[in-house]
Each structure stands twice: as structure tokens, then as C-alpha cells.
Protein backbone atom coordinates (compact mmCIF):
# COMPACT_ATOMS: atom_id res chain seq x y z
CA MET A 1 -95.63 -82.04 -105.37
CA GLN A 2 -94.33 -78.48 -105.12
CA GLU A 3 -96.64 -75.53 -105.19
CA PRO A 4 -95.88 -73.02 -107.94
CA LYS A 5 -94.11 -69.91 -106.72
CA PRO A 6 -96.07 -66.69 -107.04
CA GLU A 7 -94.78 -64.49 -109.82
CA GLN A 8 -92.53 -61.70 -108.68
CA PRO A 9 -93.27 -58.26 -110.11
CA LYS A 10 -90.76 -57.42 -112.80
CA SER A 11 -88.65 -54.38 -112.19
CA SER A 12 -89.38 -51.85 -114.87
CA ASN A 13 -86.04 -50.02 -114.68
CA VAL A 14 -87.93 -46.76 -115.19
CA ARG A 15 -86.00 -43.71 -114.07
CA TYR A 16 -88.07 -41.19 -112.15
CA PHE A 17 -87.05 -37.53 -111.87
CA ARG A 18 -87.93 -35.10 -109.11
CA ARG A 19 -88.96 -31.61 -110.27
CA LEU A 20 -85.43 -30.19 -110.22
CA GLU A 21 -84.11 -33.03 -112.37
CA ALA A 22 -87.22 -32.99 -114.60
CA ALA A 23 -86.80 -29.29 -115.36
CA ALA A 24 -83.10 -29.77 -116.12
CA TYR A 25 -83.95 -32.70 -118.42
CA VAL A 26 -86.44 -30.61 -120.42
CA ARG A 27 -84.02 -27.67 -120.67
CA SER A 28 -81.10 -29.82 -121.81
CA SER A 29 -83.12 -32.05 -124.14
CA TYR A 30 -85.34 -29.43 -125.79
CA GLY A 31 -83.63 -26.12 -125.19
CA PHE A 32 -86.62 -24.19 -123.91
CA PRO A 33 -87.06 -22.71 -120.44
CA CYS A 34 -88.42 -24.97 -117.73
CA SER A 35 -88.12 -24.55 -113.98
CA PRO A 36 -89.18 -26.66 -111.01
CA ARG A 37 -91.52 -23.86 -109.91
CA TRP A 38 -93.20 -23.80 -113.32
CA LEU A 39 -93.71 -27.58 -113.19
CA ALA A 40 -95.20 -27.17 -109.69
CA LYS A 41 -97.59 -24.48 -110.94
CA LEU A 42 -98.65 -26.62 -113.91
CA ALA A 43 -99.28 -29.55 -111.57
CA VAL A 44 -101.88 -27.37 -109.82
CA ILE A 45 -103.50 -25.56 -112.75
CA GLY A 46 -103.04 -28.28 -115.39
CA GLY A 47 -101.24 -28.32 -118.69
CA GLY A 48 -98.03 -29.87 -117.41
CA PRO A 49 -96.50 -33.29 -117.92
CA ILE A 50 -98.00 -36.39 -116.38
CA PHE A 51 -96.52 -37.15 -112.97
CA ARG A 52 -96.83 -39.70 -110.22
CA LYS A 53 -96.44 -39.25 -106.49
CA ALA A 54 -94.37 -41.13 -103.96
CA GLY A 55 -95.82 -39.80 -100.74
CA LYS A 56 -95.66 -36.03 -101.18
CA THR A 57 -92.94 -36.14 -103.84
CA PRO A 58 -93.99 -35.71 -107.48
CA LEU A 59 -92.05 -37.91 -109.90
CA TYR A 60 -91.75 -37.62 -113.68
CA THR A 61 -90.59 -40.21 -116.23
CA PRO A 62 -88.46 -39.22 -119.22
CA ALA A 63 -91.14 -40.59 -121.58
CA ASP A 64 -93.83 -38.37 -120.02
CA LEU A 65 -91.54 -35.33 -120.12
CA ASP A 66 -90.68 -36.04 -123.76
CA ALA A 67 -94.34 -36.34 -124.77
CA TRP A 68 -95.24 -33.10 -122.97
CA ALA A 69 -92.28 -31.14 -124.35
CA GLN A 70 -92.91 -32.32 -127.90
CA SER A 71 -96.59 -31.34 -127.62
CA ARG A 72 -95.49 -27.77 -126.75
CA ILE A 73 -93.40 -27.36 -129.90
CA GLY A 74 -95.37 -25.79 -132.73
CA ALA A 75 -95.36 -26.54 -136.44
CA PRO A 76 -92.61 -25.13 -138.68
CA ARG A 77 -93.24 -21.59 -139.94
CA LYS A 78 -91.65 -19.38 -142.55
CA SER A 79 -92.89 -16.14 -141.00
CA THR A 80 -94.11 -14.82 -137.68
CA SER A 81 -97.31 -13.72 -139.38
CA MET A 82 -98.29 -17.31 -140.24
CA THR A 83 -100.95 -18.92 -138.05
CA ALA A 84 -100.47 -22.44 -136.74
């Protein structure tokens, strides 16, 4: 009788971006300014996108960048004097 093989972890095919690529993704996808230095600052003070680390390297997923960028976009307004 054969022993069952242990299940192999499924590859998730998730693309991870380094800060340079993450900033370029936000700029090209959403059209607002984003730089690697700004993402680094937000990683320290808070308020930035969720990230993971591989050793010392911070990594961002497109889904986390999308959620963060969309949360920064305000509601539609007809005038600059309107409050959110």
C-alpha cells in the first residue's frame, strides 16, 4: 500500500513589485504622483499600501496597490468649495 504524497503548495502566480515598479504602476494606472521614496516614507509613518518583505526588500502586489490608490481618490465634486 502506497503512502499518500504530501500536498505541494500551489503556486499563486502573484506578481510582486519592488518600490520602483510599484510607484510606476500607480502612476500609470491612476495618473497621480507616486515615487519610490514616497512609498518608503509611508512604509515608516503609515498610510501607504500593504507590503510584504523578502529579506530587506519590500514587495507590493497589484491588488494591494489598487486598493490603496482607490482609497486615496475622493468622491466626485462639482466645486472646489464642496466638502467631501
